[in-house]
PDB file of all heavy atoms in Angstrom:
ATOM      1  N   SER A   1       4.489  96.950  19.219  1.00  0.00           N
ATOM      2  CA  SER A   1       4.383  97.506  20.535  1.00  0.00           C
ATOM      3  C   SER A   1       5.341  96.702  21.480  1.00  0.00           C
ATOM      4  O   SER A   1       6.524  96.811  21.296  1.00  0.00           O
ATOM      5  CB  SER A   1       2.891  97.438  21.088  1.00  0.00           C
ATOM      6  OG  SER A   1       2.346  96.108  21.104  1.00  0.00           O
ATOM      7  N   TYR A   2       4.798  95.903  22.427  1.00  0.00           N
ATOM      8  CA  TYR A   2       5.681  95.232  23.334  1.00  0.00           C
ATOM      9  C   TYR A   2       6.547  94.171  22.645  1.00  0.00           C
ATOM     10  O   TYR A   2       7.662  93.909  23.154  1.00  0.00           O
ATOM     11  CB  TYR A   2       4.848  94.542  24.469  1.00  0.00           C
ATOM     12  CG  TYR A   2       4.128  93.305  24.029  1.00  0.00           C
ATOM     13  CD1 TYR A   2       4.739  92.099  24.054  1.00  0.00           C
ATOM     14  CD2 TYR A   2       2.815  93.430  23.544  1.00  0.00           C
ATOM     15  CE1 TYR A   2       4.028  90.959  23.664  1.00  0.00           C
ATOM     16  CE2 TYR A   2       2.101  92.334  23.160  1.00  0.00           C
ATOM     17  CZ  TYR A   2       2.808  91.070  23.165  1.00  0.00           C
ATOM     18  OH  TYR A   2       2.078  89.977  22.733  1.00  0.00           O
ATOM     19  N   GLY A   3       6.105  93.716  21.498  1.00  0.00           N
ATOM     20  CA  GLY A   3       6.893  92.743  20.770  1.00  0.00           C
ATOM     21  C   GLY A   3       7.655  93.271  19.597  1.00  0.00           C
ATOM     22  O   GLY A   3       8.063  92.553  18.659  1.00  0.00           O
ATOM     23  N   LEU A   4       7.929  94.569  19.596  1.00  0.00           N
ATOM     24  CA  LEU A   4       8.580  95.225  18.482  1.00  0.00           C
ATOM     25  C   LEU A   4       9.944  94.581  18.225  1.00  0.00           C
ATOM     26  O   LEU A   4      10.224  94.278  17.034  1.00  0.00           O
ATOM     27  CB  LEU A   4       8.770  96.721  18.770  1.00  0.00           C
ATOM     28  CG  LEU A   4       9.666  97.510  17.804  1.00  0.00           C
ATOM     29  CD1 LEU A   4       9.075  97.502  16.384  1.00  0.00           C
ATOM     30  CD2 LEU A   4       9.864  98.959  18.305  1.00  0.00           C
ATOM     31  N   LEU A   5      10.791  94.418  19.139  1.00  0.00           N
ATOM     32  CA  LEU A   5      12.122  93.997  18.897  1.00  0.00           C
ATOM     33  C   LEU A   5      12.130  92.529  18.390  1.00  0.00           C
ATOM     34  O   LEU A   5      12.941  92.159  17.515  1.00  0.00           O
ATOM     35  CB  LEU A   5      12.999  94.115  20.200  1.00  0.00           C
ATOM     36  CG  LEU A   5      13.103  95.533  20.755  1.00  0.00           C
ATOM     37  CD1 LEU A   5      14.058  95.603  21.891  1.00  0.00           C
ATOM     38  CD2 LEU A   5      13.572  96.475  19.602  1.00  0.00           C
ATOM     39  N   GLU A   6      11.211  91.705  18.959  1.00  0.00           N
ATOM     40  CA  GLU A   6      11.161  90.316  18.548  1.00  0.00           C
ATOM     41  C   GLU A   6      10.628  90.305  17.023  1.00  0.00           C
ATOM     42  O   GLU A   6      11.112  89.464  16.302  1.00  0.00           O
ATOM     43  CB  GLU A   6      10.150  89.540  19.355  1.00  0.00           C
ATOM     44  CG  GLU A   6      10.616  89.311  20.781  1.00  0.00           C
ATOM     45  CD  GLU A   6      10.483  90.443  21.772  1.00  0.00           C
ATOM     46  OE1 GLU A   6       9.885  91.488  21.249  1.00  0.00           O
ATOM     47  OE2 GLU A   6      10.793  90.302  22.909  1.00  0.00           O
ATOM     48  N   SER A   7       9.752  91.251  16.690  1.00  0.00           N
ATOM     49  CA  SER A   7       9.334  91.336  15.325  1.00  0.00           C
ATOM     50  C   SER A   7      10.414  91.786  14.351  1.00  0.00           C
ATOM     51  O   SER A   7      10.540  91.282  13.171  1.00  0.00           O
ATOM     52  CB  SER A   7       8.128  92.264  15.183  1.00  0.00           C
ATOM     53  OG  SER A   7       7.015  91.771  15.925  1.00  0.00           O
ATOM     54  N   ILE A   8      11.213  92.696  14.818  1.00  0.00           N
ATOM     55  CA  ILE A   8      12.434  93.077  14.074  1.00  0.00           C
ATOM     56  C   ILE A   8      13.292  91.951  13.849  1.00  0.00           C
ATOM     57  O   ILE A   8      13.870  91.663  12.718  1.00  0.00           O
ATOM     58  CB  ILE A   8      13.128  94.242  14.740  1.00  0.00           C
ATOM     59  CG1 ILE A   8      12.344  95.493  14.784  1.00  0.00           C
ATOM     60  CG2 ILE A   8      14.586  94.515  14.146  1.00  0.00           C
ATOM     61  CD1 ILE A   8      12.298  96.206  13.432  1.00  0.00           C
ATOM     62  N   GLU A   9      13.552  91.117  14.900  1.00  0.00           N
ATOM     63  CA  GLU A   9      14.415  89.921  14.800  1.00  0.00           C
ATOM     64  C   GLU A   9      13.853  88.944  13.814  1.00  0.00           C
ATOM     65  O   GLU A   9      14.683  88.288  13.111  1.00  0.00           O
ATOM     66  CB  GLU A   9      14.625  89.329  16.216  1.00  0.00           C
ATOM     67  CG  GLU A   9      15.520  90.155  17.114  1.00  0.00           C
ATOM     68  CD  GLU A   9      15.416  89.760  18.508  1.00  0.00           C
ATOM     69  OE1 GLU A   9      14.581  88.948  18.919  1.00  0.00           O
ATOM     70  OE2 GLU A   9      16.334  90.177  19.287  1.00  0.00           O
ATOM     71  N   GLU A  10      12.525  88.818  13.702  1.00  0.00           N
ATOM     72  CA  GLU A  10      11.938  87.827  12.782  1.00  0.00           C
ATOM     73  C   GLU A  10      12.257  88.312  11.360  1.00  0.00           C
ATOM     74  O   GLU A  10      12.636  87.462  10.500  1.00  0.00           O
ATOM     75  CB  GLU A  10      10.466  87.672  12.987  1.00  0.00           C
ATOM     76  CG  GLU A  10       9.860  86.720  12.015  1.00  0.00           C
ATOM     77  CD  GLU A  10       8.358  86.577  12.091  1.00  0.00           C
ATOM     78  OE1 GLU A  10       7.649  87.588  12.231  1.00  0.00           O
ATOM     79  OE2 GLU A  10       7.858  85.468  12.046  1.00  0.00           O
ATOM     80  N   ILE A  11      12.075  89.576  11.029  1.00  0.00           N
ATOM     81  CA  ILE A  11      12.247  90.053   9.633  1.00  0.00           C
ATOM     82  C   ILE A  11      13.795  89.943   9.327  1.00  0.00           C
ATOM     83  O   ILE A  11      14.121  89.611   8.190  1.00  0.00           O
ATOM     84  CB  ILE A  11      11.759  91.453   9.401  1.00  0.00           C
ATOM     85  CG1 ILE A  11      11.680  91.746   7.955  1.00  0.00           C
ATOM     86  CG2 ILE A  11      12.532  92.520  10.068  1.00  0.00           C
ATOM     87  CD1 ILE A  11      10.918  92.973   7.553  1.00  0.00           C
ATOM     88  N   ILE A  12      14.687  90.153  10.310  1.00  0.00           N
ATOM     89  CA  ILE A  12      16.079  89.936  10.055  1.00  0.00           C
ATOM     90  C   ILE A  12      16.402  88.458   9.755  1.00  0.00           C
ATOM     91  O   ILE A  12      17.139  88.182   8.836  1.00  0.00           O
ATOM     92  CB  ILE A  12      16.865  90.492  11.268  1.00  0.00           C
ATOM     93  CG1 ILE A  12      16.862  91.986  11.307  1.00  0.00           C
ATOM     94  CG2 ILE A  12      18.345  90.034  11.194  1.00  0.00           C
ATOM     95  CD1 ILE A  12      17.409  92.624  12.596  1.00  0.00           C
ATOM     96  N   ALA A  13      15.754  87.593  10.548  1.00  0.00           N
ATOM     97  CA  ALA A  13      15.986  86.148  10.306  1.00  0.00           C
ATOM     98  C   ALA A  13      15.412  85.734   8.963  1.00  0.00           C
ATOM     99  O   ALA A  13      16.040  84.923   8.261  1.00  0.00           O
ATOM    100  CB  ALA A  13      15.259  85.397  11.420  1.00  0.00           C
ATOM    101  N   LEU A  14      14.298  86.313   8.550  1.00  0.00           N
ATOM    102  CA  LEU A  14      13.813  86.024   7.171  1.00  0.00           C
ATOM    103  C   LEU A  14      14.767  86.514   6.122  1.00  0.00           C
ATOM    104  O   LEU A  14      15.024  85.841   5.122  1.00  0.00           O
ATOM    105  CB  LEU A  14      12.396  86.726   6.933  1.00  0.00           C
ATOM    106  CG  LEU A  14      11.269  86.082   7.699  1.00  0.00           C
ATOM    107  CD1 LEU A  14      10.068  87.002   7.650  1.00  0.00           C
ATOM    108  CD2 LEU A  14      10.937  84.709   6.997  1.00  0.00           C
ATOM    109  N   ALA A  15      15.342  87.734   6.280  1.00  0.00           N
ATOM    110  CA  ALA A  15      16.373  88.214   5.369  1.00  0.00           C
ATOM    111  C   ALA A  15      17.588  87.330   5.306  1.00  0.00           C
ATOM    112  O   ALA A  15      18.075  87.029   4.296  1.00  0.00           O
ATOM    113  CB  ALA A  15      16.733  89.687   5.775  1.00  0.00           C
ATOM    114  N   ARG A  16      17.997  86.869   6.515  1.00  0.00           N
ATOM    115  CA  ARG A  16      19.190  86.006   6.517  1.00  0.00           C
ATOM    116  C   ARG A  16      18.986  84.711   5.864  1.00  0.00           C
ATOM    117  O   ARG A  16      19.813  84.245   5.110  1.00  0.00           O
ATOM    118  CB  ARG A  16      19.598  85.882   7.982  1.00  0.00           C
ATOM    119  CG  ARG A  16      21.027  85.318   8.177  1.00  0.00           C
ATOM    120  CD  ARG A  16      21.367  85.188   9.627  1.00  0.00           C
ATOM    121  NE  ARG A  16      21.141  86.431  10.456  1.00  0.00           N
ATOM    122  CZ  ARG A  16      22.066  87.416  10.506  1.00  0.00           C
ATOM    123  NH1 ARG A  16      23.200  87.359   9.754  1.00  0.00           N
ATOM    124  NH2 ARG A  16      21.784  88.503  11.246  1.00  0.00           N
ATOM    125  N   GLN A  17      17.786  84.124   6.095  1.00  0.00           N
ATOM    126  CA  GLN A  17      17.562  82.726   5.551  1.00  0.00           C
ATOM    127  C   GLN A  17      17.297  82.808   4.086  1.00  0.00           C
ATOM    128  O   GLN A  17      17.742  81.939   3.353  1.00  0.00           O
ATOM    129  CB  GLN A  17      16.316  82.112   6.272  1.00  0.00           C
ATOM    130  CG  GLN A  17      16.016  80.699   5.740  1.00  0.00           C
ATOM    131  CD  GLN A  17      15.136  79.930   6.737  1.00  0.00           C
ATOM    132  OE1 GLN A  17      15.345  79.988   7.930  1.00  0.00           O
ATOM    133  NE2 GLN A  17      14.123  79.223   6.209  1.00  0.00           N
ATOM    134  N   SER A  18      16.469  83.849   3.646  1.00  0.00           N
ATOM    135  CA  SER A  18      16.025  83.773   2.221  1.00  0.00           C
ATOM    136  C   SER A  18      16.941  84.617   1.297  1.00  0.00           C
ATOM    137  O   SER A  18      16.929  84.390   0.030  1.00  0.00           O
ATOM    138  CB  SER A  18      14.623  84.413   2.127  1.00  0.00           C
ATOM    139  OG  SER A  18      14.684  85.825   2.474  1.00  0.00           O
ATOM    140  N   GLY A  19      17.745  85.535   1.876  1.00  0.00           N
ATOM    141  CA  GLY A  19      18.516  86.431   1.011  1.00  0.00           C
ATOM    142  C   GLY A  19      17.723  87.512   0.382  1.00  0.00           C
ATOM    143  O   GLY A  19      18.230  88.307  -0.470  1.00  0.00           O
ATOM    144  N   ALA A  20      16.476  87.664   0.787  1.00  0.00           N
ATOM    145  CA  ALA A  20      15.606  88.656   0.087  1.00  0.00           C
ATOM    146  C   ALA A  20      15.873  90.034   0.579  1.00  0.00           C
ATOM    147  O   ALA A  20      16.426  90.236   1.739  1.00  0.00           O
ATOM    148  CB  ALA A  20      14.087  88.355   0.404  1.00  0.00           C
ATOM    149  N   ARG A  21      15.506  91.084  -0.174  1.00  0.00           N
ATOM    150  CA  ARG A  21      15.517  92.412   0.201  1.00  0.00           C
ATOM    151  C   ARG A  21      14.324  92.680   1.080  1.00  0.00           C
ATOM    152  O   ARG A  21      13.173  92.507   0.594  1.00  0.00           O
ATOM    153  CB  ARG A  21      15.493  93.316  -1.123  1.00  0.00           C
ATOM    154  CG  ARG A  21      16.656  93.273  -2.020  1.00  0.00           C
ATOM    155  CD  ARG A  21      16.299  93.817  -3.335  1.00  0.00           C
ATOM    156  NE  ARG A  21      16.251  95.288  -3.300  1.00  0.00           N
ATOM    157  CZ  ARG A  21      17.331  96.123  -3.339  1.00  0.00           C
ATOM    158  NH1 ARG A  21      18.491  95.672  -3.452  1.00  0.00           N
ATOM    159  NH2 ARG A  21      17.113  97.433  -3.309  1.00  0.00           N
ATOM    160  N   CYS A  22      14.547  93.102   2.295  1.00  0.00           N
ATOM    161  CA  CYS A  22      13.465  93.166   3.321  1.00  0.00           C
ATOM    162  C   CYS A  22      13.301  94.649   3.742  1.00  0.00           C
ATOM    163  O   CYS A  22      14.230  95.332   3.981  1.00  0.00           O
ATOM    164  CB  CYS A  22      13.711  92.264   4.415  1.00  0.00           C
ATOM    165  SG  CYS A  22      13.635  90.514   4.073  1.00  0.00           S
ATOM    166  N   HIS A  23      12.064  95.024   3.854  1.00  0.00           N
ATOM    167  CA  HIS A  23      11.767  96.422   4.229  1.00  0.00           C
ATOM    168  C   HIS A  23      10.710  96.456   5.323  1.00  0.00           C
ATOM    169  O   HIS A  23       9.693  95.801   5.362  1.00  0.00           O
ATOM    170  CB  HIS A  23      11.097  97.093   2.960  1.00  0.00           C
ATOM    171  CG  HIS A  23      10.912  98.522   3.147  1.00  0.00           C
ATOM    172  ND1 HIS A  23      11.936  99.523   3.005  1.00  0.00           N
ATOM    173  CD2 HIS A  23       9.820  99.206   3.556  1.00  0.00           C
ATOM    174  CE1 HIS A  23      11.384 100.714   3.192  1.00  0.00           C
ATOM    175  NE2 HIS A  23      10.152 100.570   3.588  1.00  0.00           N
ATOM    176  N   VAL A  24      11.063  97.161   6.423  1.00  0.00           N
ATOM    177  CA  VAL A  24      10.156  97.325   7.570  1.00  0.00           C
ATOM    178  C   VAL A  24       9.218  98.515   7.318  1.00  0.00           C
ATOM    179  O   VAL A  24       9.669  99.639   7.163  1.00  0.00           O
ATOM    180  CB  VAL A  24      10.987  97.610   8.867  1.00  0.00           C
ATOM    181  CG1 VAL A  24      10.012  97.910  10.054  1.00  0.00           C
ATOM    182  CG2 VAL A  24      11.901  96.424   9.157  1.00  0.00           C
ATOM    183  N   SER A  25       7.969  98.194   7.184  1.00  0.00           N
ATOM    184  CA  SER A  25       6.954  99.290   6.938  1.00  0.00           C
ATOM    185  C   SER A  25       6.606  99.948   8.211  1.00  0.00           C
ATOM    186  O   SER A  25       6.579  99.459   9.310  1.00  0.00           O
ATOM    187  CB  SER A  25       5.664  98.572   6.402  1.00  0.00           C
ATOM    188  OG  SER A  25       5.929  98.022   5.181  1.00  0.00           O
ATOM    189  N   HIS A  26       6.512 101.292   8.050  1.00  0.00           N
ATOM    190  CA  HIS A  26       6.086 102.239   9.154  1.00  0.00           C
ATOM    191  C   HIS A  26       6.642 101.847  10.518  1.00  0.00           C
ATOM    192  O   HIS A  26       5.908 101.543  11.411  1.00  0.00           O
ATOM    193  CB  HIS A  26       4.599 102.459   9.209  1.00  0.00           C
ATOM    194  CG  HIS A  26       3.743 101.214   9.064  1.00  0.00           C
ATOM    195  ND1 HIS A  26       3.843 100.108   9.901  1.00  0.00           N
ATOM    196  CD2 HIS A  26       2.827 100.957   8.102  1.00  0.00           C
ATOM    197  CE1 HIS A  26       2.973  99.212   9.534  1.00  0.00           C
ATOM    198  NE2 HIS A  26       2.331  99.635   8.419  1.00  0.00           N
ATOM    199  N   LEU A  27       7.924 101.988  10.628  1.00  0.00           N
ATOM    200  CA  LEU A  27       8.585 101.550  11.941  1.00  0.00           C
ATOM    201  C   LEU A  27       8.059 102.454  12.968  1.00  0.00           C
ATOM    202  O   LEU A  27       8.007 103.732  12.833  1.00  0.00           O
ATOM    203  CB  LEU A  27      10.100 101.790  11.784  1.00  0.00           C
ATOM    204  CG  LEU A  27      10.960 101.536  13.038  1.00  0.00           C
ATOM    205  CD1 LEU A  27      10.893 100.112  13.553  1.00  0.00           C
ATOM    206  CD2 LEU A  27      12.429 101.967  12.853  1.00  0.00           C
ATOM    207  N   LYS A  28       7.671 101.895  14.121  1.00  0.00           N
ATOM    208  CA  LYS A  28       7.104 102.664  15.216  1.00  0.00           C
ATOM    209  C   LYS A  28       7.227 101.887  16.506  1.00  0.00           C
ATOM    210  O   LYS A  28       7.431 100.657  16.470  1.00  0.00           O
ATOM    211  CB  LYS A  28       5.676 103.044  14.947  1.00  0.00           C
ATOM    212  CG  LYS A  28       4.766 101.789  14.914  1.00  0.00           C
ATOM    213  CD  LYS A  28       3.254 102.114  14.819  1.00  0.00           C
ATOM    214  CE  LYS A  28       2.787 102.657  13.494  1.00  0.00           C
ATOM    215  NZ  LYS A  28       2.692 101.607  12.483  1.00  0.00           N
ATOM    216  N   ALA A  29       6.983 102.523  17.630  1.00  0.00           N
ATOM    217  CA  ALA A  29       6.847 101.868  18.918  1.00  0.00           C
ATOM    218  C   ALA A  29       5.551 102.353  19.528  1.00  0.00           C
ATOM    219  O   ALA A  29       5.348 103.469  19.904  1.00  0.00           O
ATOM    220  CB  ALA A  29       7.940 102.252  19.928  1.00  0.00           C
ATOM    221  N   SER A  30       4.530 101.495  19.381  1.00  0.00           N
ATOM    222  CA  SER A  30       3.106 101.840  19.750  1.00  0.00           C
ATOM    223  C   SER A  30       2.858 101.564  21.175  1.00  0.00           C
ATOM    224  O   SER A  30       3.173 100.484  21.683  1.00  0.00           O
ATOM    225  CB  SER A  30       2.221 101.108  18.867  1.00  0.00           C
ATOM    226  OG  SER A  30       0.873 101.469  19.088  1.00  0.00           O
ATOM    227  N   GLY A  31       2.176 102.466  21.877  1.00  0.00           N
ATOM    228  CA  GLY A  31       1.851 102.272  23.265  1.00  0.00           C
ATOM    229  C   GLY A  31       2.824 102.894  24.143  1.00  0.00           C
ATOM    230  O   GLY A  31       4.027 102.805  24.006  1.00  0.00           O
ATOM    231  N   TYR A  32       2.272 103.637  25.187  1.00  0.00           N
ATOM    232  CA  TYR A  32       3.153 104.454  26.072  1.00  0.00           C
ATOM    233  C   TYR A  32       4.267 103.705  26.659  1.00  0.00           C
ATOM    234  O   TYR A  32       5.392 104.229  26.751  1.00  0.00           O
ATOM    235  CB  TYR A  32       2.269 105.077  27.177  1.00  0.00           C
ATOM    236  CG  TYR A  32       0.921 105.706  26.709  1.00  0.00           C
ATOM    237  CD1 TYR A  32      -0.300 105.323  27.257  1.00  0.00           C
ATOM    238  CD2 TYR A  32       0.958 106.629  25.635  1.00  0.00           C
ATOM    239  CE1 TYR A  32      -1.443 105.841  26.780  1.00  0.00           C
ATOM    240  CE2 TYR A  32      -0.238 107.187  25.152  1.00  0.00           C
ATOM    241  CZ  TYR A  32      -1.442 106.753  25.724  1.00  0.00           C
ATOM    242  OH  TYR A  32      -2.626 107.309  25.308  1.00  0.00           O
ATOM    243  N   SER A  33       4.093 102.421  27.117  1.00  0.00           N
ATOM    244  CA  SER A  33       5.095 101.725  27.771  1.00  0.00           C
ATOM    245  C   SER A  33       6.259 101.269  26.854  1.00  0.00           C
ATOM    246  O   SER A  33       7.288 100.846  27.314  1.00  0.00           O
ATOM    247  CB  SER A  33       4.542 100.459  28.422  1.00  0.00           C
ATOM    248  OG  SER A  33       4.012  99.584  27.457  1.00  0.00           O
ATOM    249  N   ASN A  34       6.056 101.507  25.503  1.00  0.00           N
ATOM    250  CA  ASN A  34       7.103 101.093  24.506  1.00  0.00           C
ATOM    251  C   ASN A  34       7.841 102.265  23.956  1.00  0.00           C
ATOM    252  O   ASN A  34       8.727 101.984  23.124  1.00  0.00           O
ATOM    253  CB  ASN A  34       6.414 100.242  23.416  1.00  0.00           C
ATOM    254  CG  ASN A  34       5.681  99.065  23.984  1.00  0.00           C
ATOM    255  OD1 ASN A  34       6.298  98.226  24.609  1.00  0.00           O
ATOM    256  ND2 ASN A  34       4.379  98.997  23.791  1.00  0.00           N
ATOM    257  N   TRP A  35       7.421 103.468  24.345  1.00  0.00           N
ATOM    258  CA  TRP A  35       8.157 104.604  23.800  1.00  0.00           C
ATOM    259  C   TRP A  35       9.593 104.522  24.063  1.00  0.00           C
ATOM    260  O   TRP A  35      10.086 104.156  25.124  1.00  0.00           O
ATOM    261  CB  TRP A  35       7.613 105.930  24.368  1.00  0.00           C
ATOM    262  CG  TRP A  35       6.183 106.168  23.876  1.00  0.00           C
ATOM    263  CD1 TRP A  35       5.480 105.448  22.960  1.00  0.00           C
ATOM    264  CD2 TRP A  35       5.386 107.364  24.197  1.00  0.00           C
ATOM    265  NE1 TRP A  35       4.228 105.998  22.754  1.00  0.00           N
ATOM    266  CE2 TRP A  35       4.188 107.143  23.509  1.00  0.00           C
ATOM    267  CE3 TRP A  35       5.509 108.397  25.052  1.00  0.00           C
ATOM    268  CZ2 TRP A  35       3.111 108.120  23.578  1.00  0.00           C
ATOM    269  CZ3 TRP A  35       4.550 109.334  25.142  1.00  0.00           C
ATOM    270  CH2 TRP A  35       3.363 109.161  24.418  1.00  0.00           C
ATOM    271  N   GLY A  36      10.396 104.846  23.013  1.00  0.00           N
ATOM    272  CA  GLY A  36      11.884 104.761  23.153  1.00  0.00           C
ATOM    273  C   GLY A  36      12.458 103.536  22.521  1.00  0.00           C
ATOM    274  O   GLY A  36      13.668 103.466  22.189  1.00  0.00           O
ATOM    275  N   LYS A  37      11.637 102.509  22.205  1.00  0.00           N
ATOM    276  CA  LYS A  37      12.172 101.262  21.643  1.00  0.00           C
ATOM    277  C   LYS A  37      12.569 101.410  20.199  1.00  0.00           C
ATOM    278  O   LYS A  37      13.284 100.503  19.664  1.00  0.00           O
ATOM    279  CB  LYS A  37      11.097 100.153  21.771  1.00  0.00           C
ATOM    280  CG  LYS A  37      10.954  99.609  23.171  1.00  0.00           C
ATOM    281  CD  LYS A  37       9.940  98.455  23.148  1.00  0.00           C
ATOM    282  CE  LYS A  37       9.781  97.800  24.452  1.00  0.00           C
ATOM    283  NZ  LYS A  37       8.832  96.712  24.559  1.00  0.00           N
ATOM    284  N   VAL A  38      12.203 102.462  19.524  1.00  0.00           N
ATOM    285  CA  VAL A  38      12.648 102.656  18.126  1.00  0.00           C
ATOM    286  C   VAL A  38      14.144 102.740  18.026  1.00  0.00           C
ATOM    287  O   VAL A  38      14.693 102.174  17.090  1.00  0.00           O
ATOM    288  CB  VAL A  38      11.925 103.899  17.451  1.00  0.00           C
ATOM    289  CG1 VAL A  38      12.713 104.374  16.187  1.00  0.00           C
ATOM    290  CG2 VAL A  38      10.483 103.625  17.216  1.00  0.00           C
ATOM    291  N   GLY A  39      14.771 103.309  19.003  1.00  0.00           N
ATOM    292  CA  GLY A  39      16.244 103.357  19.001  1.00  0.00           C
ATOM    293  C   GLY A  39      16.880 101.962  19.026  1.00  0.00           C
ATOM    294  O   GLY A  39      17.819 101.618  18.435  1.00  0.00           O
ATOM    295  N   ASP A  40      16.241 101.089  19.922  1.00  0.00           N
ATOM    296  CA  ASP A  40      16.720  99.705  19.999  1.00  0.00           C
ATOM    297  C   ASP A  40      16.433  99.033  18.696  1.00  0.00           C
ATOM    298  O   ASP A  40      17.234  98.167  18.255  1.00  0.00           O
ATOM    299  CB  ASP A  40      16.025  98.974  21.146  1.00  0.00           C
ATOM    300  CG  ASP A  40      16.376  99.619  22.513  1.00  0.00           C
ATOM    301  OD1 ASP A  40      17.455 100.148  22.667  1.00  0.00           O
ATOM    302  OD2 ASP A  40      15.468  99.583  23.347  1.00  0.00           O
ATOM    303  N   ALA A  41      15.308  99.220  18.090  1.00  0.00           N
ATOM    304  CA  ALA A  41      14.978  98.557  16.790  1.00  0.00           C
ATOM    305  C   ALA A  41      15.958  99.017  15.743  1.00  0.00           C
ATOM    306  O   ALA A  41      16.439  98.120  14.923  1.00  0.00           O
ATOM    307  CB  ALA A  41      13.574  98.966  16.367  1.00  0.00           C
ATOM    308  N   LEU A  42      16.291 100.238  15.631  1.00  0.00           N
ATOM    309  CA  LEU A  42      17.299 100.779  14.664  1.00  0.00           C
ATOM    310  C   LEU A  42      18.678 100.131  14.956  1.00  0.00           C
ATOM    311  O   LEU A  42      19.366  99.850  13.948  1.00  0.00           O
ATOM    312  CB  LEU A  42      17.352 102.294  14.738  1.00  0.00           C
ATOM    313  CG  LEU A  42      16.108 102.994  14.221  1.00  0.00           C
ATOM    314  CD1 LEU A  42      16.174 104.461  14.665  1.00  0.00           C
ATOM    315  CD2 LEU A  42      15.989 102.928  12.702  1.00  0.00           C
ATOM    316  N   ALA A  43      19.046  99.937  16.173  1.00  0.00           N
ATOM    317  CA  ALA A  43      20.288  99.295  16.478  1.00  0.00           C
ATOM    318  C   ALA A  43      20.320  97.855  15.883  1.00  0.00           C
ATOM    319  O   ALA A  43      21.351  97.427  15.310  1.00  0.00           O
ATOM    320  CB  ALA A  43      20.538  99.347  17.992  1.00  0.00           C
ATOM    321  N   LEU A  44      19.244  97.196  16.068  1.00  0.00           N
ATOM    322  CA  LEU A  44      19.186  95.810  15.500  1.00  0.00           C
ATOM    323  C   LEU A  44      19.290  95.906  13.978  1.00  0.00           C
ATOM    324  O   LEU A  44      19.980  95.022  13.358  1.00  0.00           O
ATOM    325  CB  LEU A  44      17.864  95.148  15.912  1.00  0.00           C
ATOM    326  CG  LEU A  44      17.794  94.712  17.378  1.00  0.00           C
ATOM    327  CD1 LEU A  44      16.308  94.183  17.622  1.00  0.00           C
ATOM    328  CD2 LEU A  44      18.757  93.590  17.737  1.00  0.00           C
TER     329      LEU A  44
END
């Protein structure tokens, strides 16, 4: 929800540090005030 982009950044940091294949499960922006953030998440 409000922390979607920060959570995306954490999984990217995990991928960068570990070299692991990382997969974001059920990507979404939950909660009315967060609608539209999926585009920003995809950009990251």
